[in-house]
Amino acid sequence: MWDSATNYDFLGILPDRKKELVHNTCSYFAIPTKGIVLFFDKFNYKKYGKRSTWRNLGSHLNIKLGDGTHEKCPKKIDILFKSKKYSHLVWLSQRAWIKTNIDLVWNLSHELQHLHQDITNHSISLAGNFIYNNLSGMDIEELKIQTTVPTEMDAELMSWRISRKVCGKHKVDLYVSENAKSGKKIEIFRDLLKYDPDDNYDVISKTISLLRKYQPQFEDIIKYYRNLGSVDRLCTKLSEA
């Protein structure tokens, strides 16, 4: 249970050129040989609610610990959950992988970095999801965008770094600069441009810093999360990594 051999294409739908990109991308991550499944979906799920996991470009879920298993999900993913073959799911919607090579490598790298965060210390995932899900309703100085959440910035910077290695620095840097000029993620890419993707980004210290900065607001929210306890407890667990 939970430890089937890692599966890099659950549906077996990727063309050979995409499979090569996937394996090249995965080679830059320390992916366990057991318990991980990559699910490249045939569909996009616009019928699901705006806060649903399945409306995203992609997601990393710790299936063993129950991530995503209690919400409505696509039938084939539900079957995968119930099989209990894998402890972690890395899922990409069709629109996340079907277009350009950079899109595939970028979006896959993003979710693989979330997998890495979770394997390193599950509290990183807990803290990241907690901040991500509640930042929009808080009074903060920063922009209320994805990359204000340290775990998301860490994943995006890793996407930039790995995409450069796989697709070429010039092409990928142009991709970033163009997305910082227009498109749905313009604010995210403008935020990314404040960083050098080759520099170290300390996701744990950044997460603790944000939790401490807005601790009174987070304390009012965290009491509704049984698995987190308090901001002090969460920060202590993060420091144990």
C-alpha atoms as a PDB file:
ATOM      1  CA  MET A   1       0.000   0.000   0.000  1.00  0.00           C
ATOM      2  CA  TRP A   2       1.237   3.485  -0.976  1.00  0.00           C
ATOM      3  CA  ASP A   3       4.496   2.195  -2.444  1.00  0.00           C
ATOM      4  CA  SER A   4       3.866   1.074  -6.001  1.00  0.00           C
ATOM      5  CA  ALA A   5       6.732   1.818  -8.388  1.00  0.00           C
ATOM      6  CA  THR A   6       6.769   5.473  -9.394  1.00  0.00           C
ATOM      7  CA  ASN A   7       4.684   5.980 -12.546  1.00  0.00           C
ATOM      8  CA  TYR A   8       5.715   8.821 -14.859  1.00  0.00           C
ATOM      9  CA  ASP A   9       2.647   8.768 -17.125  1.00  0.00           C
ATOM     10  CA  PHE A  10      -0.381   7.208 -15.453  1.00  0.00           C
ATOM     11  CA  LEU A  11      -2.637   7.441 -18.500  1.00  0.00           C
ATOM     12  CA  GLY A  12       0.129   6.646 -20.988  1.00  0.00           C
ATOM     13  CA  ILE A  13      -1.033   9.446 -23.281  1.00  0.00           C
ATOM     14  CA  LEU A  14       2.126  11.482 -23.797  1.00  0.00           C
ATOM     15  CA  PRO A  15       3.721  11.469 -27.262  1.00  0.00           C
ATOM     16  CA  ASP A  16       7.376  10.385 -27.318  1.00  0.00           C
ATOM     17  CA  ARG A  17       8.754  13.929 -27.585  1.00  0.00           C
ATOM     18  CA  LYS A  18       6.787  14.958 -24.490  1.00  0.00           C
ATOM     19  CA  LYS A  19       7.870  11.836 -22.603  1.00  0.00           C
ATOM     20  CA  GLU A  20      11.483  12.770 -23.246  1.00  0.00           C
ATOM     21  CA  LEU A  21      10.861  16.251 -21.847  1.00  0.00           C
ATOM     22  CA  VAL A  22       9.162  14.786 -18.776  1.00  0.00           C
ATOM     23  CA  HIS A  23      12.024  12.402 -18.015  1.00  0.00           C
ATOM     24  CA  ASN A  24      14.598  15.134 -18.637  1.00  0.00           C
ATOM     25  CA  THR A  25      12.734  17.448 -16.255  1.00  0.00           C
ATOM     26  CA  CYS A  26      12.319  14.751 -13.618  1.00  0.00           C
ATOM     27  CA  SER A  27      16.052  13.998 -13.721  1.00  0.00           C
ATOM     28  CA  TYR A  28      16.703  17.294 -11.897  1.00  0.00           C
ATOM     29  CA  PHE A  29      14.589  16.209  -8.918  1.00  0.00           C
ATOM     30  CA  ALA A  30      15.253  13.518  -6.311  1.00  0.00           C
ATOM     31  CA  ILE A  31      12.013  11.654  -6.983  1.00  0.00           C
ATOM     32  CA  PRO A  32      11.533   8.499  -4.877  1.00  0.00           C
ATOM     33  CA  THR A  33      11.449   5.258  -6.861  1.00  0.00           C
ATOM     34  CA  LYS A  34       8.196   4.258  -5.174  1.00  0.00           C
ATOM     35  CA  GLY A  35       4.933   5.933  -4.261  1.00  0.00           C
ATOM     36  CA  ILE A  36       4.791   8.780  -6.793  1.00  0.00           C
ATOM     37  CA  VAL A  37       2.388   9.046  -9.737  1.00  0.00           C
ATOM     38  CA  LEU A  38       2.396  11.689 -12.483  1.00  0.00           C
ATOM     39  CA  PHE A  39      -1.028  12.221 -14.000  1.00  0.00           C
ATOM     40  CA  PHE A  40      -1.138  14.168 -17.283  1.00  0.00           C
ATOM     41  CA  ASP A  41      -4.847  14.737 -17.778  1.00  0.00           C
ATOM     42  CA  LYS A  42      -6.766  14.577 -21.033  1.00  0.00           C
ATOM     43  CA  PHE A  43      -9.155  17.252 -19.830  1.00  0.00           C
ATOM     44  CA  ASN A  44      -9.617  20.628 -18.156  1.00  0.00           C
ATOM     45  CA  TYR A  45     -12.344  20.743 -15.524  1.00  0.00           C
ATOM     46  CA  LYS A  46     -14.137  24.055 -15.923  1.00  0.00           C
ATOM     47  CA  LYS A  47     -17.352  22.598 -14.489  1.00  0.00           C
ATOM     48  CA  TYR A  48     -15.795  22.454 -11.018  1.00  0.00           C
ATOM     49  CA  GLY A  49     -16.073  25.362  -8.577  1.00  0.00           C
ATOM     50  CA  LYS A  50     -13.515  28.167  -8.629  1.00  0.00           C
ATOM     51  CA  ARG A  51     -11.848  26.940  -5.422  1.00  0.00           C
ATOM     52  CA  SER A  52     -11.653  23.336  -6.606  1.00  0.00           C
ATOM     53  CA  THR A  53      -8.233  21.711  -6.993  1.00  0.00           C
ATOM     54  CA  TRP A  54      -9.295  20.560 -10.442  1.00  0.00           C
ATOM     55  CA  ARG A  55      -9.708  24.085 -11.809  1.00  0.00           C
ATOM     56  CA  ASN A  56      -5.966  24.648 -11.346  1.00  0.00           C
ATOM     57  CA  LEU A  57      -3.229  24.208 -13.945  1.00  0.00           C
ATOM     58  CA  GLY A  58      -1.838  21.461 -11.756  1.00  0.00           C
ATOM     59  CA  SER A  59      -1.424  20.257  -8.195  1.00  0.00           C
ATOM     60  CA  HIS A  60       0.702  18.167  -5.909  1.00  0.00           C
ATOM     61  CA  LEU A  61      -1.324  16.147  -3.403  1.00  0.00           C
ATOM     62  CA  ASN A  62      -0.161  13.975  -0.527  1.00  0.00           C
ATOM     63  CA  ILE A  63      -2.769  11.252  -1.051  1.00  0.00           C
ATOM     64  CA  LYS A  64      -1.611   9.197   1.920  1.00  0.00           C
ATOM     65  CA  LEU A  65      -2.355  12.098   4.261  1.00  0.00           C
ATOM     66  CA  GLY A  66      -5.704  12.783   2.605  1.00  0.00           C
ATOM     67  CA  ASP A  67      -5.028  15.788   0.353  1.00  0.00           C
ATOM     68  CA  GLY A  68      -7.839  16.161  -2.174  1.00  0.00           C
ATOM     69  CA  THR A  69      -9.486  12.870  -1.276  1.00  0.00           C
ATOM     70  CA  HIS A  70     -12.499  14.441   0.400  1.00  0.00           C
ATOM     71  CA  GLU A  71     -13.565  16.758  -2.407  1.00  0.00           C
ATOM     72  CA  LYS A  72     -15.384  15.983  -5.615  1.00  0.00           C
ATOM     73  CA  CYS A  73     -12.876  14.897  -8.237  1.00  0.00           C
ATOM     74  CA  PRO A  74     -12.725  13.368 -11.729  1.00  0.00           C
ATOM     75  CA  LYS A  75     -13.652   9.678 -11.885  1.00  0.00           C
ATOM     76  CA  LYS A  76     -10.237   8.350 -12.942  1.00  0.00           C
ATOM     77  CA  ILE A  77      -8.520  10.308 -10.198  1.00  0.00           C
ATOM     78  CA  ASP A  78     -11.031   9.059  -7.654  1.00  0.00           C
ATOM     79  CA  ILE A  79     -10.223   5.479  -8.729  1.00  0.00           C
ATOM     80  CA  LEU A  80      -6.519   6.271  -8.334  1.00  0.00           C
ATOM     81  CA  PHE A  81      -7.128   7.649  -4.819  1.00  0.00           C
ATOM     82  CA  LYS A  82      -9.091   4.566  -3.764  1.00  0.00           C
ATOM     83  CA  SER A  83      -6.434   2.194  -5.114  1.00  0.00           C
ATOM     84  CA  LYS A  84      -4.009   3.399  -2.392  1.00  0.00           C
ATOM     85  CA  LYS A  85      -1.112   2.506  -4.676  1.00  0.00           C
ATOM     86  CA  TYR A  86       0.637   5.872  -4.448  1.00  0.00           C
ATOM     87  CA  SER A  87       1.352   8.229  -1.570  1.00  0.00           C
ATOM     88  CA  HIS A  88       1.784  11.349  -3.753  1.00  0.00           C
ATOM     89  CA  LEU A  89       0.048  12.616  -6.884  1.00  0.00           C
ATOM     90  CA  VAL A  90       1.527  15.175  -9.277  1.00  0.00           C
ATOM     91  CA  TRP A  91      -1.336  16.203 -11.554  1.00  0.00           C
ATOM     92  CA  LEU A  92      -1.322  18.502 -14.597  1.00  0.00           C
ATOM     93  CA  SER A  93      -4.457  19.608 -16.429  1.00  0.00           C
ATOM     94  CA  GLN A  94      -4.460  19.312 -20.213  1.00  0.00           C
ATOM     95  CA  ARG A  95      -3.791  23.017 -20.725  1.00  0.00           C
ATOM     96  CA  ALA A  96      -0.709  22.773 -18.485  1.00  0.00           C
ATOM     97  CA  TRP A  97       1.178  20.360 -20.732  1.00  0.00           C
ATOM     98  CA  ILE A  98      -0.322  20.197 -24.220  1.00  0.00           C
ATOM     99  CA  LYS A  99       0.892  23.477 -25.748  1.00  0.00           C
ATOM    100  CA  THR A 100       4.551  24.527 -25.708  1.00  0.00           C
ATOM    101  CA  ASN A 101       7.546  22.602 -24.381  1.00  0.00           C
ATOM    102  CA  ILE A 102       8.278  25.405 -21.938  1.00  0.00           C
ATOM    103  CA  ASP A 103       4.728  25.246 -20.562  1.00  0.00           C
ATOM    104  CA  LEU A 104       5.122  21.524 -19.887  1.00  0.00           C
ATOM    105  CA  VAL A 105       8.531  21.799 -18.264  1.00  0.00           C
ATOM    106  CA  TRP A 106       7.579  24.905 -16.263  1.00  0.00           C
ATOM    107  CA  ASN A 107       4.298  23.527 -14.893  1.00  0.00           C
ATOM    108  CA  LEU A 108       5.735  20.089 -14.160  1.00  0.00           C
ATOM    109  CA  SER A 109       8.749  21.581 -12.370  1.00  0.00           C
ATOM    110  CA  HIS A 110       6.425  23.727 -10.261  1.00  0.00           C
ATOM    111  CA  GLU A 111       4.502  20.708  -8.969  1.00  0.00           C
ATOM    112  CA  LEU A 112       7.637  18.597  -8.533  1.00  0.00           C
ATOM    113  CA  GLN A 113       9.048  21.339  -6.309  1.00  0.00           C
ATOM    114  CA  HIS A 114       5.884  21.168  -4.194  1.00  0.00           C
ATOM    115  CA  LEU A 115       6.481  17.408  -3.968  1.00  0.00           C
ATOM    116  CA  HIS A 116      10.051  18.108  -2.842  1.00  0.00           C
ATOM    117  CA  GLN A 117       8.817  20.600  -0.217  1.00  0.00           C
ATOM    118  CA  ASP A 118       6.371  18.058   1.172  1.00  0.00           C
ATOM    119  CA  ILE A 119       8.904  15.225   1.297  1.00  0.00           C
ATOM    120  CA  THR A 120      11.438  17.519   2.993  1.00  0.00           C
ATOM    121  CA  ASN A 121       8.968  18.577   5.688  1.00  0.00           C
ATOM    122  CA  HIS A 122       5.202  18.140   5.438  1.00  0.00           C
ATOM    123  CA  SER A 123       4.801  21.296   7.523  1.00  0.00           C
ATOM    124  CA  ILE A 124       6.070  23.297   4.538  1.00  0.00           C
ATOM    125  CA  SER A 125       3.061  22.082   2.550  1.00  0.00           C
ATOM    126  CA  LEU A 126       0.691  22.675   5.466  1.00  0.00           C
ATOM    127  CA  ALA A 127       1.964  26.222   5.961  1.00  0.00           C
ATOM    128  CA  GLY A 128       1.970  26.989   2.237  1.00  0.00           C
ATOM    129  CA  ASN A 129      -1.587  25.786   1.745  1.00  0.00           C
ATOM    130  CA  PHE A 130      -2.742  27.623   4.863  1.00  0.00           C
ATOM    131  CA  ILE A 131      -1.274  30.928   3.677  1.00  0.00           C
ATOM    132  CA  TYR A 132      -2.400  30.392   0.068  1.00  0.00           C
ATOM    133  CA  ASN A 133      -6.002  29.703   1.079  1.00  0.00           C
ATOM    134  CA  ASN A 134      -6.331  32.685   3.421  1.00  0.00           C
ATOM    135  CA  LEU A 135      -4.164  35.510   2.097  1.00  0.00           C
ATOM    136  CA  SER A 136      -6.922  36.995  -0.066  1.00  0.00           C
ATOM    137  CA  GLY A 137      -9.032  37.850   2.988  1.00  0.00           C
ATOM    138  CA  MET A 138      -6.231  39.477   4.983  1.00  0.00           C
ATOM    139  CA  ASP A 139      -4.947  43.025   5.327  1.00  0.00           C
ATOM    140  CA  ILE A 140      -1.361  42.843   4.022  1.00  0.00           C
ATOM    141  CA  GLU A 141       1.231  45.168   2.502  1.00  0.00           C
ATOM    142  CA  GLU A 142       2.158  42.712  -0.260  1.00  0.00           C
ATOM    143  CA  LEU A 143       0.202  42.042  -3.430  1.00  0.00           C
ATOM    144  CA  LYS A 144      -2.407  39.324  -2.995  1.00  0.00           C
ATOM    145  CA  ILE A 145      -0.945  37.137  -5.692  1.00  0.00           C
ATOM    146  CA  GLN A 146       0.316  33.568  -5.858  1.00  0.00           C
ATOM    147  CA  THR A 147       4.013  34.393  -5.468  1.00  0.00           C
ATOM    148  CA  THR A 148       3.455  36.298  -2.224  1.00  0.00           C
ATOM    149  CA  VAL A 149       3.130  32.808  -0.735  1.00  0.00           C
ATOM    150  CA  PRO A 150       6.749  31.630  -0.210  1.00  0.00           C
ATOM    151  CA  THR A 151       6.059  28.027  -1.221  1.00  0.00           C
ATOM    152  CA  GLU A 152       4.646  29.307  -4.524  1.00  0.00           C
ATOM    153  CA  MET A 153       7.567  31.656  -5.167  1.00  0.00           C
ATOM    154  CA  ASP A 154       9.942  28.785  -4.436  1.00  0.00           C
ATOM    155  CA  ALA A 155       8.105  26.566  -6.937  1.00  0.00           C
ATOM    156  CA  GLU A 156       8.049  29.272  -9.626  1.00  0.00           C
ATOM    157  CA  LEU A 157      11.751  30.032  -9.227  1.00  0.00           C
ATOM    158  CA  MET A 158      12.510  26.330  -9.513  1.00  0.00           C
ATOM    159  CA  SER A 159      10.350  26.205 -12.667  1.00  0.00           C
ATOM    160  CA  TRP A 160      12.410  29.021 -14.160  1.00  0.00           C
ATOM    161  CA  ARG A 161      15.696  27.339 -13.209  1.00  0.00           C
ATOM    162  CA  ILE A 162      14.791  23.890 -14.567  1.00  0.00           C
ATOM    163  CA  SER A 163      13.160  25.279 -17.715  1.00  0.00           C
ATOM    164  CA  ARG A 164      16.410  27.083 -18.525  1.00  0.00           C
ATOM    165  CA  LYS A 165      18.305  23.788 -18.241  1.00  0.00           C
ATOM    166  CA  VAL A 166      15.842  21.814 -20.366  1.00  0.00           C
ATOM    167  CA  CYS A 167      14.699  24.369 -22.953  1.00  0.00           C
ATOM    168  CA  GLY A 168      17.558  26.876 -23.078  1.00  0.00           C
ATOM    169  CA  LYS A 169      18.267  30.036 -21.077  1.00  0.00           C
ATOM    170  CA  HIS A 170      17.519  32.536 -23.865  1.00  0.00           C
ATOM    171  CA  LYS A 171      14.162  30.994 -24.808  1.00  0.00           C
ATOM    172  CA  VAL A 172      12.992  30.691 -21.229  1.00  0.00           C
ATOM    173  CA  ASP A 173      14.095  34.171 -20.158  1.00  0.00           C
ATOM    174  CA  LEU A 174      12.210  35.544 -23.163  1.00  0.00           C
ATOM    175  CA  TYR A 175       9.164  33.487 -22.076  1.00  0.00           C
ATOM    176  CA  VAL A 176       9.362  35.080 -18.618  1.00  0.00           C
ATOM    177  CA  SER A 177       9.796  38.641 -19.927  1.00  0.00           C
ATOM    178  CA  GLU A 178       6.898  38.255 -22.387  1.00  0.00           C
ATOM    179  CA  ASN A 179       4.606  36.923 -19.662  1.00  0.00           C
ATOM    180  CA  ALA A 180       5.598  39.881 -17.496  1.00  0.00           C
ATOM    181  CA  LYS A 181       4.249  42.207 -20.203  1.00  0.00           C
ATOM    182  CA  SER A 182       0.834  40.646 -20.794  1.00  0.00           C
ATOM    183  CA  GLY A 183      -1.373  37.685 -19.958  1.00  0.00           C
ATOM    184  CA  LYS A 184      -3.265  36.255 -17.006  1.00  0.00           C
ATOM    185  CA  LYS A 185      -0.130  35.841 -14.872  1.00  0.00           C
ATOM    186  CA  ILE A 186       1.428  39.242 -15.557  1.00  0.00           C
ATOM    187  CA  GLU A 187       1.722  40.220 -11.865  1.00  0.00           C
ATOM    188  CA  ILE A 188       3.255  36.863 -10.963  1.00  0.00           C
ATOM    189  CA  PHE A 189       5.929  37.102 -13.651  1.00  0.00           C
ATOM    190  CA  ARG A 190       6.675  40.725 -12.747  1.00  0.00           C
ATOM    191  CA  ASP A 191       7.193  39.533  -9.174  1.00  0.00           C
ATOM    192  CA  LEU A 192       9.486  36.756 -10.414  1.00  0.00           C
ATOM    193  CA  LEU A 193      11.673  39.282 -12.236  1.00  0.00           C
ATOM    194  CA  LYS A 194      12.726  40.699  -8.858  1.00  0.00           C
ATOM    195  CA  TYR A 195      14.773  37.516  -8.353  1.00  0.00           C
ATOM    196  CA  ASP A 196      17.616  35.636  -9.971  1.00  0.00           C
ATOM    197  CA  PRO A 197      16.420  32.022 -10.285  1.00  0.00           C
ATOM    198  CA  ASP A 198      19.954  30.739  -9.674  1.00  0.00           C
ATOM    199  CA  ASP A 199      20.137  32.375  -6.240  1.00  0.00           C
ATOM    200  CA  ASN A 200      19.162  30.377  -3.166  1.00  0.00           C
ATOM    201  CA  TYR A 201      15.600  30.971  -1.975  1.00  0.00           C
ATOM    202  CA  ASP A 202      15.065  29.916   1.635  1.00  0.00           C
ATOM    203  CA  VAL A 203      11.419  28.888   1.550  1.00  0.00           C
ATOM    204  CA  ILE A 204      11.303  27.934   5.234  1.00  0.00           C
ATOM    205  CA  SER A 205      12.668  31.217   6.592  1.00  0.00           C
ATOM    206  CA  LYS A 206      10.480  33.190   4.166  1.00  0.00           C
ATOM    207  CA  THR A 207       7.398  31.250   5.305  1.00  0.00           C
ATOM    208  CA  ILE A 208       8.181  31.751   8.984  1.00  0.00           C
ATOM    209  CA  SER A 209       8.814  35.460   8.365  1.00  0.00           C
ATOM    210  CA  LEU A 210       5.421  35.926   6.681  1.00  0.00           C
ATOM    211  CA  LEU A 211       3.616  33.979   9.424  1.00  0.00           C
ATOM    212  CA  ARG A 212       5.297  36.105  12.097  1.00  0.00           C
ATOM    213  CA  LYS A 213       4.686  39.376  10.274  1.00  0.00           C
ATOM    214  CA  TYR A 214       0.938  38.811  10.226  1.00  0.00           C
ATOM    215  CA  GLN A 215       0.697  36.516  13.249  1.00  0.00           C
ATOM    216  CA  PRO A 216      -2.345  38.165  14.901  1.00  0.00           C
ATOM    217  CA  GLN A 217      -4.381  37.809  11.688  1.00  0.00           C
ATOM    218  CA  PHE A 218      -3.171  34.249  11.111  1.00  0.00           C
ATOM    219  CA  GLU A 219      -3.963  33.301  14.717  1.00  0.00           C
ATOM    220  CA  ASP A 220      -7.582  34.335  14.204  1.00  0.00           C
ATOM    221  CA  ILE A 221      -7.802  31.944  11.250  1.00  0.00           C
ATOM    222  CA  ILE A 222      -5.602  29.038  12.324  1.00  0.00           C
ATOM    223  CA  LYS A 223      -7.871  28.103  15.252  1.00  0.00           C
ATOM    224  CA  TYR A 224     -10.240  26.619  12.671  1.00  0.00           C
ATOM    225  CA  TYR A 225      -7.506  24.265  11.409  1.00  0.00           C
ATOM    226  CA  ARG A 226      -7.298  21.239  13.733  1.00  0.00           C
ATOM    227  CA  ASN A 227      -4.059  19.950  12.229  1.00  0.00           C
ATOM    228  CA  LEU A 228      -2.074  23.192  12.626  1.00  0.00           C
ATOM    229  CA  GLY A 229      -2.624  24.202  16.248  1.00  0.00           C
ATOM    230  CA  SER A 230      -1.116  27.691  16.337  1.00  0.00           C
ATOM    231  CA  VAL A 231       1.301  29.912  14.462  1.00  0.00           C
ATOM    232  CA  ASP A 232       3.957  29.236  17.124  1.00  0.00           C
ATOM    233  CA  ARG A 233       3.549  25.472  16.737  1.00  0.00           C
ATOM    234  CA  LEU A 234       3.629  25.680  12.941  1.00  0.00           C
ATOM    235  CA  CYS A 235       6.784  27.817  12.956  1.00  0.00           C
ATOM    236  CA  THR A 236       8.449  25.367  15.360  1.00  0.00           C
ATOM    237  CA  LYS A 237       7.686  22.457  13.043  1.00  0.00           C
ATOM    238  CA  LEU A 238       9.018  24.413  10.073  1.00  0.00           C
ATOM    239  CA  SER A 239      12.250  25.076  11.929  1.00  0.00           C
ATOM    240  CA  GLU A 240      12.751  21.335  12.443  1.00  0.00           C
ATOM    241  CA  ALA A 241      13.457  20.763   8.731  1.00  0.00           C
END
